[in-house]
Each structure stands twice: as C-alpha cells, then as structure tokens.
All heavy atoms as atom14 arrays in JSON, in Angstrom:
{
  "sequence": "ALMMPAVLLATRVAYGRVGMANSVRGRFRWALLGRAAMVIVPLYLLLN",
  "atom14_mask": [
    [1, 1, 1, 1, 1, 0, 0, 0, 0, 0, 0, 0, 0, 0],
    [1, 1, 1, 1, 1, 1, 1, 1, 0, 0, 0, 0, 0, 0],
    [1, 1, 1, 1, 1, 1, 1, 1, 0, 0, 0, 0, 0, 0],
    [1, 1, 1, 1, 1, 1, 1, 1, 0, 0, 0, 0, 0, 0],
    [1, 1, 1, 1, 1, 1, 1, 0, 0, 0, 0, 0, 0, 0],
    [1, 1, 1, 1, 1, 0, 0, 0, 0, 0, 0, 0, 0, 0],
    [1, 1, 1, 1, 1, 1, 1, 0, 0, 0, 0, 0, 0, 0],
    [1, 1, 1, 1, 1, 1, 1, 1, 0, 0, 0, 0, 0, 0],
    [1, 1, 1, 1, 1, 1, 1, 1, 0, 0, 0, 0, 0, 0],
    [1, 1, 1, 1, 1, 0, 0, 0, 0, 0, 0, 0, 0, 0],
    [1, 1, 1, 1, 1, 1, 1, 0, 0, 0, 0, 0, 0, 0],
    [1, 1, 1, 1, 1, 1, 1, 1, 1, 1, 1, 0, 0, 0],
    [1, 1, 1, 1, 1, 1, 1, 0, 0, 0, 0, 0, 0, 0],
    [1, 1, 1, 1, 1, 0, 0, 0, 0, 0, 0, 0, 0, 0],
    [1, 1, 1, 1, 1, 1, 1, 1, 1, 1, 1, 1, 0, 0],
    [1, 1, 1, 1, 0, 0, 0, 0, 0, 0, 0, 0, 0, 0],
    [1, 1, 1, 1, 1, 1, 1, 1, 1, 1, 1, 0, 0, 0],
    [1, 1, 1, 1, 1, 1, 1, 0, 0, 0, 0, 0, 0, 0],
    [1, 1, 1, 1, 0, 0, 0, 0, 0, 0, 0, 0, 0, 0],
    [1, 1, 1, 1, 1, 1, 1, 1, 0, 0, 0, 0, 0, 0],
    [1, 1, 1, 1, 1, 0, 0, 0, 0, 0, 0, 0, 0, 0],
    [1, 1, 1, 1, 1, 1, 1, 1, 0, 0, 0, 0, 0, 0],
    [1, 1, 1, 1, 1, 1, 0, 0, 0, 0, 0, 0, 0, 0],
    [1, 1, 1, 1, 1, 1, 1, 0, 0, 0, 0, 0, 0, 0],
    [1, 1, 1, 1, 1, 1, 1, 1, 1, 1, 1, 0, 0, 0],
    [1, 1, 1, 1, 0, 0, 0, 0, 0, 0, 0, 0, 0, 0],
    [1, 1, 1, 1, 1, 1, 1, 1, 1, 1, 1, 0, 0, 0],
    [1, 1, 1, 1, 1, 1, 1, 1, 1, 1, 1, 0, 0, 0],
    [1, 1, 1, 1, 1, 1, 1, 1, 1, 1, 1, 0, 0, 0],
    [1, 1, 1, 1, 1, 1, 1, 1, 1, 1, 1, 1, 1, 1],
    [1, 1, 1, 1, 1, 0, 0, 0, 0, 0, 0, 0, 0, 0],
    [1, 1, 1, 1, 1, 1, 1, 1, 0, 0, 0, 0, 0, 0],
    [1, 1, 1, 1, 1, 1, 1, 1, 0, 0, 0, 0, 0, 0],
    [1, 1, 1, 1, 0, 0, 0, 0, 0, 0, 0, 0, 0, 0],
    [1, 1, 1, 1, 1, 1, 1, 1, 1, 1, 1, 0, 0, 0],
    [1, 1, 1, 1, 1, 0, 0, 0, 0, 0, 0, 0, 0, 0],
    [1, 1, 1, 1, 1, 0, 0, 0, 0, 0, 0, 0, 0, 0],
    [1, 1, 1, 1, 1, 1, 1, 1, 0, 0, 0, 0, 0, 0],
    [1, 1, 1, 1, 1, 1, 1, 0, 0, 0, 0, 0, 0, 0],
    [1, 1, 1, 1, 1, 1, 1, 1, 0, 0, 0, 0, 0, 0],
    [1, 1, 1, 1, 1, 1, 1, 0, 0, 0, 0, 0, 0, 0],
    [1, 1, 1, 1, 1, 1, 1, 0, 0, 0, 0, 0, 0, 0],
    [1, 1, 1, 1, 1, 1, 1, 1, 0, 0, 0, 0, 0, 0],
    [1, 1, 1, 1, 1, 1, 1, 1, 1, 1, 1, 1, 0, 0],
    [1, 1, 1, 1, 1, 1, 1, 1, 0, 0, 0, 0, 0, 0],
    [1, 1, 1, 1, 1, 1, 1, 1, 0, 0, 0, 0, 0, 0],
    [1, 1, 1, 1, 1, 1, 1, 1, 0, 0, 0, 0, 0, 0],
    [1, 1, 1, 1, 1, 1, 1, 1, 0, 0, 0, 0, 0, 0]
  ],
  "atom14_positions": [
    [[-20.35, -17.37, -16.58], [-20.17, -18.08, -15.31], [-20.7, -17.29, -14.12], [-21.14, -17.87, -13.12], [-18.68, -18.39, -15.1], [0.0, 0.0, 0.0], [0.0, 0.0, 0.0], [0.0, 0.0, 0.0], [0.0, 0.0, 0.0], [0.0, 0.0, 0.0], [0.0, 0.0, 0.0], [0.0, 0.0, 0.0], [0.0, 0.0, 0.0], [0.0, 0.0, 0.0]],
    [[-20.71, -15.96, -14.22], [-21.19, -15.13, -13.11], [-22.69, -15.28, -12.88], [-23.21, -14.84, -11.85], [-20.86, -13.66, -13.39], [-19.38, -13.29, -13.29], [-19.16, -11.84, -13.7], [-18.85, -13.52, -11.88], [0.0, 0.0, 0.0], [0.0, 0.0, 0.0], [0.0, 0.0, 0.0], [0.0, 0.0, 0.0], [0.0, 0.0, 0.0], [0.0, 0.0, 0.0]],
    [[-23.4, -15.9, -13.82], [-24.83, -16.16, -13.6], [-25.05, -17.08, -12.4], [-26.05, -16.95, -11.69], [-25.45, -16.8, -14.84], [-25.56, -15.87, -16.04], [-26.3, -16.73, -17.45], [-26.37, -15.39, -18.64], [0.0, 0.0, 0.0], [0.0, 0.0, 0.0], [0.0, 0.0, 0.0], [0.0, 0.0, 0.0], [0.0, 0.0, 0.0], [0.0, 0.0, 0.0]],
    [[-24.12, -18.01, -12.17], [-24.31, -18.96, -11.08], [-24.32, -18.28, -9.71], [-25.28, -18.46, -8.94], [-23.25, -20.06, -11.13], [-23.4, -21.09, -10.0], [-22.3, -22.5, -10.18], [-20.71, -21.72, -9.98], [0.0, 0.0, 0.0], [0.0, 0.0, 0.0], [0.0, 0.0, 0.0], [0.0, 0.0, 0.0], [0.0, 0.0, 0.0], [0.0, 0.0, 0.0]],
    [[-23.29, -17.5, -9.33], [-23.37, -16.84, -8.02], [-24.53, -15.85, -7.93], [-25.09, -15.65, -6.84], [-22.02, -16.14, -7.88], [-21.48, -16.02, -9.26], [-22.0, -17.23, -9.99], [0.0, 0.0, 0.0], [0.0, 0.0, 0.0], [0.0, 0.0, 0.0], [0.0, 0.0, 0.0], [0.0, 0.0, 0.0], [0.0, 0.0, 0.0], [0.0, 0.0, 0.0]],
    [[-24.92, -15.25, -9.06], [-26.06, -14.32, -9.03], [-27.35, -15.06, -8.69], [-28.18, -14.57, -7.9], [-26.18, -13.59, -10.36], [0.0, 0.0, 0.0], [0.0, 0.0, 0.0], [0.0, 0.0, 0.0], [0.0, 0.0, 0.0], [0.0, 0.0, 0.0], [0.0, 0.0, 0.0], [0.0, 0.0, 0.0], [0.0, 0.0, 0.0], [0.0, 0.0, 0.0]],
    [[-27.55, -16.24, -9.26], [-28.75, -17.03, -8.96], [-28.72, -17.52, -7.51], [-29.74, -17.47, -6.81], [-28.87, -18.21, -9.93], [-29.97, -19.18, -9.47], [-29.18, -17.73, -11.33], [0.0, 0.0, 0.0], [0.0, 0.0, 0.0], [0.0, 0.0, 0.0], [0.0, 0.0, 0.0], [0.0, 0.0, 0.0], [0.0, 0.0, 0.0], [0.0, 0.0, 0.0]],
    [[-27.58, -17.99, -7.05], [-27.48, -18.47, -5.68], [-27.75, -17.35, -4.67], [-28.42, -17.56, -3.66], [-26.11, -19.1, -5.44], [-25.8, -20.37, -6.25], [-24.38, -20.84, -5.99], [-26.79, -21.48, -5.91], [0.0, 0.0, 0.0], [0.0, 0.0, 0.0], [0.0, 0.0, 0.0], [0.0, 0.0, 0.0], [0.0, 0.0, 0.0], [0.0, 0.0, 0.0]],
    [[-27.23, -16.17, -4.96], [-27.49, -15.03, -4.08], [-28.97, -14.67, -4.1], [-29.57, -14.4, -3.04], [-26.65, -13.84, -4.52], [-26.86, -12.53, -3.74], [-26.5, -12.72, -2.26], [-26.05, -11.4, -4.34], [0.0, 0.0, 0.0], [0.0, 0.0, 0.0], [0.0, 0.0, 0.0], [0.0, 0.0, 0.0], [0.0, 0.0, 0.0], [0.0, 0.0, 0.0]],
    [[-29.58, -14.67, -5.28], [-31.0, -14.34, -5.39], [-31.86, -15.34, -4.63], [-32.82, -14.97, -3.95], [-31.41, -14.31, -6.86], [0.0, 0.0, 0.0], [0.0, 0.0, 0.0], [0.0, 0.0, 0.0], [0.0, 0.0, 0.0], [0.0, 0.0, 0.0], [0.0, 0.0, 0.0], [0.0, 0.0, 0.0], [0.0, 0.0, 0.0], [0.0, 0.0, 0.0]],
    [[-31.51, -16.62, -4.71], [-32.27, -17.65, -4.0], [-32.12, -17.49, -2.49], [-33.08, -17.64, -1.74], [-31.78, -19.04, -4.43], [-31.9, -19.16, -5.85], [-32.61, -20.13, -3.78], [0.0, 0.0, 0.0], [0.0, 0.0, 0.0], [0.0, 0.0, 0.0], [0.0, 0.0, 0.0], [0.0, 0.0, 0.0], [0.0, 0.0, 0.0], [0.0, 0.0, 0.0]],
    [[-30.92, -17.14, -2.05], [-30.69, -16.96, -0.62], [-31.48, -15.77, -0.09], [-32.1, -15.85, 0.99], [-29.19, -16.74, -0.36], [-28.84, -16.48, 1.1], [-29.11, -17.72, 1.94], [-28.77, -17.52, 3.34], [-29.6, -17.02, 4.25], [-30.83, -16.63, 3.88], [-29.22, -16.89, 5.5], [0.0, 0.0, 0.0], [0.0, 0.0, 0.0], [0.0, 0.0, 0.0]],
    [[-31.5, -14.67, -0.8], [-32.19, -13.47, -0.34], [-33.7, -13.67, -0.38], [-34.41, -13.32, 0.56], [-31.79, -12.25, -1.19], [-32.64, -11.04, -0.83], [-30.31, -11.93, -0.99], [0.0, 0.0, 0.0], [0.0, 0.0, 0.0], [0.0, 0.0, 0.0], [0.0, 0.0, 0.0], [0.0, 0.0, 0.0], [0.0, 0.0, 0.0], [0.0, 0.0, 0.0]],
    [[-34.22, -14.25, -1.47], [-35.66, -14.34, -1.65], [-36.29, -15.46, -0.82], [-37.37, -15.28, -0.26], [-35.99, -14.55, -3.13], [0.0, 0.0, 0.0], [0.0, 0.0, 0.0], [0.0, 0.0, 0.0], [0.0, 0.0, 0.0], [0.0, 0.0, 0.0], [0.0, 0.0, 0.0], [0.0, 0.0, 0.0], [0.0, 0.0, 0.0], [0.0, 0.0, 0.0]],
    [[-35.62, -16.61, -0.77], [-36.22, -17.78, -0.12], [-35.51, -18.2, 1.16], [-36.04, -19.03, 1.9], [-36.22, -18.96, -1.09], [-37.07, -18.75, -2.32], [-36.5, -18.38, -3.54], [-38.45, -18.93, -2.27], [-37.27, -18.19, -4.67], [-39.24, -18.75, -3.4], [-38.65, -18.37, -4.59], [-39.43, -18.19, -5.71], [0.0, 0.0, 0.0], [0.0, 0.0, 0.0]],
    [[-34.34, -17.68, 1.4], [-33.62, -18.05, 2.61], [-32.93, -19.39, 2.53], [-32.38, -19.86, 3.52], [0.0, 0.0, 0.0], [0.0, 0.0, 0.0], [0.0, 0.0, 0.0], [0.0, 0.0, 0.0], [0.0, 0.0, 0.0], [0.0, 0.0, 0.0], [0.0, 0.0, 0.0], [0.0, 0.0, 0.0], [0.0, 0.0, 0.0], [0.0, 0.0, 0.0]],
    [[-32.95, -20.04, 1.37], [-32.35, -21.37, 1.2], [-31.54, -21.39, -0.08], [-32.07, -21.62, -1.16], [-33.43, -22.45, 1.15], [-34.29, -22.55, 2.39], [-33.46, -22.97, 3.6], [-34.27, -23.01, 4.8], [-34.96, -24.06, 5.21], [-34.94, -25.17, 4.49], [-35.66, -24.01, 6.31], [0.0, 0.0, 0.0], [0.0, 0.0, 0.0], [0.0, 0.0, 0.0]],
    [[-30.25, -21.17, 0.01], [-29.42, -21.14, -1.19], [-29.36, -22.52, -1.83], [-29.26, -22.65, -3.05], [-28.01, -20.63, -0.85], [-27.27, -21.6, 0.05], [-27.21, -20.35, -2.11], [0.0, 0.0, 0.0], [0.0, 0.0, 0.0], [0.0, 0.0, 0.0], [0.0, 0.0, 0.0], [0.0, 0.0, 0.0], [0.0, 0.0, 0.0], [0.0, 0.0, 0.0]],
    [[-29.47, -23.58, -1.04], [-29.34, -24.94, -1.57], [-30.49, -25.39, -2.43], [-30.35, -26.36, -3.18], [0.0, 0.0, 0.0], [0.0, 0.0, 0.0], [0.0, 0.0, 0.0], [0.0, 0.0, 0.0], [0.0, 0.0, 0.0], [0.0, 0.0, 0.0], [0.0, 0.0, 0.0], [0.0, 0.0, 0.0], [0.0, 0.0, 0.0], [0.0, 0.0, 0.0]],
    [[-31.65, -24.73, -2.35], [-32.8, -25.17, -3.13], [-32.56, -25.0, -4.63], [-33.21, -25.67, -5.44], [-34.06, -24.43, -2.71], [-34.07, -22.95, -3.0], [-35.62, -22.15, -2.5], [-36.69, -22.54, -3.88], [0.0, 0.0, 0.0], [0.0, 0.0, 0.0], [0.0, 0.0, 0.0], [0.0, 0.0, 0.0], [0.0, 0.0, 0.0], [0.0, 0.0, 0.0]],
    [[-31.64, -24.14, -5.03], [-31.31, -24.0, -6.45], [-30.49, -25.16, -6.96], [-30.39, -25.37, -8.18], [-30.56, -22.68, -6.69], [0.0, 0.0, 0.0], [0.0, 0.0, 0.0], [0.0, 0.0, 0.0], [0.0, 0.0, 0.0], [0.0, 0.0, 0.0], [0.0, 0.0, 0.0], [0.0, 0.0, 0.0], [0.0, 0.0, 0.0], [0.0, 0.0, 0.0]],
    [[-29.89, -25.94, -6.06], [-29.1, -27.1, -6.46], [-29.97, -28.33, -6.68], [-29.9, -28.97, -7.73], [-28.03, -27.42, -5.41], [-27.03, -26.3, -5.24], [-26.57, -25.71, -6.21], [-26.67, -25.99, -4.0], [0.0, 0.0, 0.0], [0.0, 0.0, 0.0], [0.0, 0.0, 0.0], [0.0, 0.0, 0.0], [0.0, 0.0, 0.0], [0.0, 0.0, 0.0]],
    [[-30.76, -28.67, -5.67], [-31.59, -29.87, -5.77], [-32.61, -29.86, -4.64], [-32.56, -29.02, -3.73], [-30.74, -31.14, -5.69], [-30.32, -31.39, -4.35], [0.0, 0.0, 0.0], [0.0, 0.0, 0.0], [0.0, 0.0, 0.0], [0.0, 0.0, 0.0], [0.0, 0.0, 0.0], [0.0, 0.0, 0.0], [0.0, 0.0, 0.0], [0.0, 0.0, 0.0]],
    [[-33.52, -30.83, -4.69], [-34.52, -30.96, -3.63], [-33.91, -31.5, -2.35], [-34.6, -31.58, -1.33], [-35.67, -31.88, -4.09], [-36.46, -31.25, -5.21], [-35.15, -33.26, -4.5], [0.0, 0.0, 0.0], [0.0, 0.0, 0.0], [0.0, 0.0, 0.0], [0.0, 0.0, 0.0], [0.0, 0.0, 0.0], [0.0, 0.0, 0.0], [0.0, 0.0, 0.0]],
    [[-32.64, -31.88, -2.36], [-31.93, -32.27, -1.14], [-31.3, -31.06, -0.45], [-30.74, -31.19, 0.63], [-30.82, -33.28, -1.46], [-31.3, -34.58, -2.05], [-32.05, -35.43, -1.04], [-32.45, -36.68, -1.65], [-33.59, -36.87, -2.3], [-34.44, -35.88, -2.43], [-33.89, -38.04, -2.84], [0.0, 0.0, 0.0], [0.0, 0.0, 0.0], [0.0, 0.0, 0.0]],
    [[-31.37, -29.9, -1.08], [-30.76, -28.72, -0.5], [-29.26, -28.68, -0.65], [-28.58, -27.9, 0.03], [0.0, 0.0, 0.0], [0.0, 0.0, 0.0], [0.0, 0.0, 0.0], [0.0, 0.0, 0.0], [0.0, 0.0, 0.0], [0.0, 0.0, 0.0], [0.0, 0.0, 0.0], [0.0, 0.0, 0.0], [0.0, 0.0, 0.0], [0.0, 0.0, 0.0]],
    [[-28.71, -29.49, -1.53], [-27.26, -29.55, -1.75], [-26.99, -30.04, -3.16], [-27.91, -30.5, -3.86], [-26.6, -30.51, -0.75], [-27.12, -31.92, -0.83], [-26.46, -32.85, 0.16], [-27.07, -34.17, 0.18], [-26.79, -35.15, -0.68], [-25.92, -34.94, -1.64], [-27.4, -36.32, -0.61], [0.0, 0.0, 0.0], [0.0, 0.0, 0.0], [0.0, 0.0, 0.0]],
    [[-25.75, -29.94, -3.58], [-25.35, -30.46, -4.89], [-24.95, -31.92, -4.72], [-24.07, -32.25, -3.92], [-24.18, -29.66, -5.46], [-23.97, -29.86, -6.93], [-24.63, -29.06, -7.85], [-23.11, -30.84, -7.39], [-24.44, -29.25, -9.22], [-22.92, -31.04, -8.75], [-23.58, -30.25, -9.67], [0.0, 0.0, 0.0], [0.0, 0.0, 0.0], [0.0, 0.0, 0.0]],
    [[-25.55, -32.82, -5.48], [-25.32, -34.26, -5.32], [-24.14, -34.7, -6.2], [-24.31, -35.16, -7.32], [-26.59, -35.03, -5.69], [-27.77, -34.72, -4.77], [-29.08, -35.24, -5.31], [-29.47, -34.53, -6.54], [-30.59, -34.78, -7.22], [-31.42, -35.73, -6.8], [-30.86, -34.09, -8.31], [0.0, 0.0, 0.0], [0.0, 0.0, 0.0], [0.0, 0.0, 0.0]],
    [[-22.95, -34.55, -5.66], [-21.73, -34.84, -6.41], [-21.63, -36.31, -6.78], [-21.11, -36.67, -7.85], [-20.51, -34.43, -5.61], [-20.35, -32.94, -5.5], [-20.65, -32.15, -4.42], [-19.88, -32.05, -6.52], [-20.39, -30.83, -4.7], [-19.91, -30.73, -5.97], [-19.42, -32.23, -7.82], [-19.51, -29.62, -6.7], [-19.04, -31.11, -8.55], [-19.07, -29.83, -7.99]],
    [[-22.1, -37.21, -5.92], [-22.02, -38.64, -6.21], [-22.84, -38.99, -7.44], [-22.42, -39.81, -8.27], [-22.48, -39.44, -5.0], [0.0, 0.0, 0.0], [0.0, 0.0, 0.0], [0.0, 0.0, 0.0], [0.0, 0.0, 0.0], [0.0, 0.0, 0.0], [0.0, 0.0, 0.0], [0.0, 0.0, 0.0], [0.0, 0.0, 0.0], [0.0, 0.0, 0.0]],
    [[-24.01, -38.4, -7.56], [-24.86, -38.63, -8.73], [-24.16, -38.15, -10.0], [-24.13, -38.86, -11.01], [-26.2, -37.92, -8.55], [-27.14, -37.91, -9.75], [-27.58, -39.33, -10.09], [-28.35, -37.01, -9.46], [0.0, 0.0, 0.0], [0.0, 0.0, 0.0], [0.0, 0.0, 0.0], [0.0, 0.0, 0.0], [0.0, 0.0, 0.0], [0.0, 0.0, 0.0]],
    [[-23.61, -36.96, -9.95], [-22.91, -36.42, -11.12], [-21.71, -37.28, -11.48], [-21.47, -37.58, -12.66], [-22.48, -34.98, -10.84], [-21.76, -34.25, -11.99], [-22.18, -32.79, -12.03], [-20.24, -34.32, -11.82], [0.0, 0.0, 0.0], [0.0, 0.0, 0.0], [0.0, 0.0, 0.0], [0.0, 0.0, 0.0], [0.0, 0.0, 0.0], [0.0, 0.0, 0.0]],
    [[-20.94, -37.69, -10.48], [-19.73, -38.47, -10.74], [-20.02, -39.81, -11.38], [-19.3, -40.24, -12.31], [0.0, 0.0, 0.0], [0.0, 0.0, 0.0], [0.0, 0.0, 0.0], [0.0, 0.0, 0.0], [0.0, 0.0, 0.0], [0.0, 0.0, 0.0], [0.0, 0.0, 0.0], [0.0, 0.0, 0.0], [0.0, 0.0, 0.0], [0.0, 0.0, 0.0]],
    [[-21.07, -40.47, -10.93], [-21.38, -41.79, -11.5], [-21.82, -41.66, -12.96], [-21.41, -42.46, -13.81], [-22.48, -42.46, -10.67], [-22.87, -43.84, -11.17], [-23.69, -44.59, -10.16], [-22.93, -44.85, -8.95], [-23.37, -45.6, -7.94], [-24.58, -46.12, -7.99], [-22.63, -45.8, -6.87], [0.0, 0.0, 0.0], [0.0, 0.0, 0.0], [0.0, 0.0, 0.0]],
    [[-22.65, -40.67, -13.26], [-23.1, -40.49, -14.64], [-21.97, -39.99, -15.53], [-21.93, -40.3, -16.72], [-24.26, -39.51, -14.67], [0.0, 0.0, 0.0], [0.0, 0.0, 0.0], [0.0, 0.0, 0.0], [0.0, 0.0, 0.0], [0.0, 0.0, 0.0], [0.0, 0.0, 0.0], [0.0, 0.0, 0.0], [0.0, 0.0, 0.0], [0.0, 0.0, 0.0]],
    [[-21.03, -39.22, -14.97], [-19.94, -38.65, -15.77], [-19.03, -39.73, -16.34], [-18.41, -39.52, -17.4], [-19.13, -37.67, -14.93], [0.0, 0.0, 0.0], [0.0, 0.0, 0.0], [0.0, 0.0, 0.0], [0.0, 0.0, 0.0], [0.0, 0.0, 0.0], [0.0, 0.0, 0.0], [0.0, 0.0, 0.0], [0.0, 0.0, 0.0], [0.0, 0.0, 0.0]],
    [[-18.93, -40.86, -15.69], [-18.05, -41.93, -16.17], [-18.49, -42.44, -17.54], [-17.69, -43.0, -18.29], [-18.02, -43.08, -15.16], [-17.31, -42.73, -13.87], [-17.07, -44.16, -12.77], [-18.77, -44.48, -12.28], [0.0, 0.0, 0.0], [0.0, 0.0, 0.0], [0.0, 0.0, 0.0], [0.0, 0.0, 0.0], [0.0, 0.0, 0.0], [0.0, 0.0, 0.0]],
    [[-19.75, -42.24, -17.89], [-20.26, -42.65, -19.2], [-20.41, -41.45, -20.13], [-20.03, -41.51, -21.3], [-21.61, -43.37, -19.05], [-22.2, -43.7, -20.42], [-21.44, -44.63, -18.22], [0.0, 0.0, 0.0], [0.0, 0.0, 0.0], [0.0, 0.0, 0.0], [0.0, 0.0, 0.0], [0.0, 0.0, 0.0], [0.0, 0.0, 0.0], [0.0, 0.0, 0.0]],
    [[-20.95, -40.34, -19.62], [-21.3, -39.21, -20.47], [-20.07, -38.49, -21.02], [-20.03, -38.15, -22.21], [-22.2, -38.22, -19.69], [-23.5, -38.9, -19.29], [-22.46, -36.97, -20.51], [-24.33, -39.4, -20.45], [0.0, 0.0, 0.0], [0.0, 0.0, 0.0], [0.0, 0.0, 0.0], [0.0, 0.0, 0.0], [0.0, 0.0, 0.0], [0.0, 0.0, 0.0]],
    [[-19.06, -38.25, -20.2], [-17.88, -37.5, -20.66], [-17.14, -38.23, -21.77], [-16.83, -37.63, -22.82], [-16.95, -37.17, -19.47], [-15.65, -36.54, -19.98], [-17.64, -36.21, -18.51], [0.0, 0.0, 0.0], [0.0, 0.0, 0.0], [0.0, 0.0, 0.0], [0.0, 0.0, 0.0], [0.0, 0.0, 0.0], [0.0, 0.0, 0.0], [0.0, 0.0, 0.0]],
    [[-16.85, -39.53, -21.65], [-16.2, -40.22, -22.79], [-17.05, -40.21, -24.05], [-16.51, -40.1, -25.16], [-16.0, -41.65, -22.26], [-15.95, -41.5, -20.77], [-16.92, -40.4, -20.45], [0.0, 0.0, 0.0], [0.0, 0.0, 0.0], [0.0, 0.0, 0.0], [0.0, 0.0, 0.0], [0.0, 0.0, 0.0], [0.0, 0.0, 0.0], [0.0, 0.0, 0.0]],
    [[-18.37, -40.32, -23.91], [-19.23, -40.3, -25.09], [-19.16, -38.96, -25.81], [-19.04, -38.9, -27.04], [-20.68, -40.61, -24.69], [-21.03, -42.07, -24.43], [-22.48, -42.2, -23.97], [-20.79, -42.92, -25.68], [0.0, 0.0, 0.0], [0.0, 0.0, 0.0], [0.0, 0.0, 0.0], [0.0, 0.0, 0.0], [0.0, 0.0, 0.0], [0.0, 0.0, 0.0]],
    [[-19.21, -37.88, -25.05], [-19.14, -36.56, -25.68], [-17.76, -36.3, -26.27], [-17.63, -35.65, -27.32], [-19.48, -35.47, -24.67], [-20.9, -34.97, -24.81], [-21.83, -35.16, -23.8], [-21.31, -34.31, -25.96], [-23.14, -34.71, -23.94], [-22.61, -33.85, -26.1], [-23.52, -34.06, -25.09], [-24.81, -33.62, -25.24], [0.0, 0.0, 0.0], [0.0, 0.0, 0.0]],
    [[-16.71, -36.79, -25.62], [-15.37, -36.64, -26.17], [-15.27, -37.33, -27.53], [-14.74, -36.77, -28.5], [-14.34, -37.2, -25.19], [-12.87, -37.04, -25.57], [-12.5, -35.57, -25.65], [-11.98, -37.76, -24.56], [0.0, 0.0, 0.0], [0.0, 0.0, 0.0], [0.0, 0.0, 0.0], [0.0, 0.0, 0.0], [0.0, 0.0, 0.0], [0.0, 0.0, 0.0]],
    [[-15.81, -38.53, -27.6], [-15.78, -39.29, -28.85], [-16.63, -38.6, -29.92], [-16.22, -38.47, -31.08], [-16.28, -40.71, -28.6], [-16.34, -41.65, -29.81], [-14.94, -41.87, -30.36], [-16.99, -42.96, -29.42], [0.0, 0.0, 0.0], [0.0, 0.0, 0.0], [0.0, 0.0, 0.0], [0.0, 0.0, 0.0], [0.0, 0.0, 0.0], [0.0, 0.0, 0.0]],
    [[-17.8, -38.13, -29.54], [-18.71, -37.51, -30.5], [-18.16, -36.19, -31.05], [-18.16, -35.97, -32.26], [-20.07, -37.26, -29.84], [-20.98, -38.49, -29.7], [-22.15, -38.16, -28.77], [-21.5, -38.94, -31.06], [0.0, 0.0, 0.0], [0.0, 0.0, 0.0], [0.0, 0.0, 0.0], [0.0, 0.0, 0.0], [0.0, 0.0, 0.0], [0.0, 0.0, 0.0]],
    [[-17.7, -35.32, -30.16], [-17.26, -34.0, -30.61], [-15.94, -34.05, -31.37], [-15.77, -33.34, -32.37], [-17.17, -33.05, -29.42], [-18.53, -32.61, -28.93], [-19.51, -32.62, -29.68], [-18.62, -32.2, -27.68], [0.0, 0.0, 0.0], [0.0, 0.0, 0.0], [0.0, 0.0, 0.0], [0.0, 0.0, 0.0], [0.0, 0.0, 0.0], [0.0, 0.0, 0.0]]
  ]
}
C-alpha cells in the first residue's frame, strides 16, 4: 500500500501535479468508480 503515497509524492516533485497520476482530469473520479462498482463487486464476490 505504501507504493501509492510514494508514487503521488514522486509525481508532485517531478511534475508539480500530484493529480495527474489519478486521471487526465487531475483528480480521482469517484463517481465513475462508484457506478461501475455496483456491477463489478457483486460479480467478483460471486466468482471468487
């Protein structure tokens, strides 16, 4: 899990934009993830 803050810090220092590691919007698109999760999470629960 510590890889995530390490990448975000590296992106901030090198490029000056920590959000570019999330998406081309410069932020994490929670609405997109939430809508897809309503289908993907139950499918994986059933499969695994």
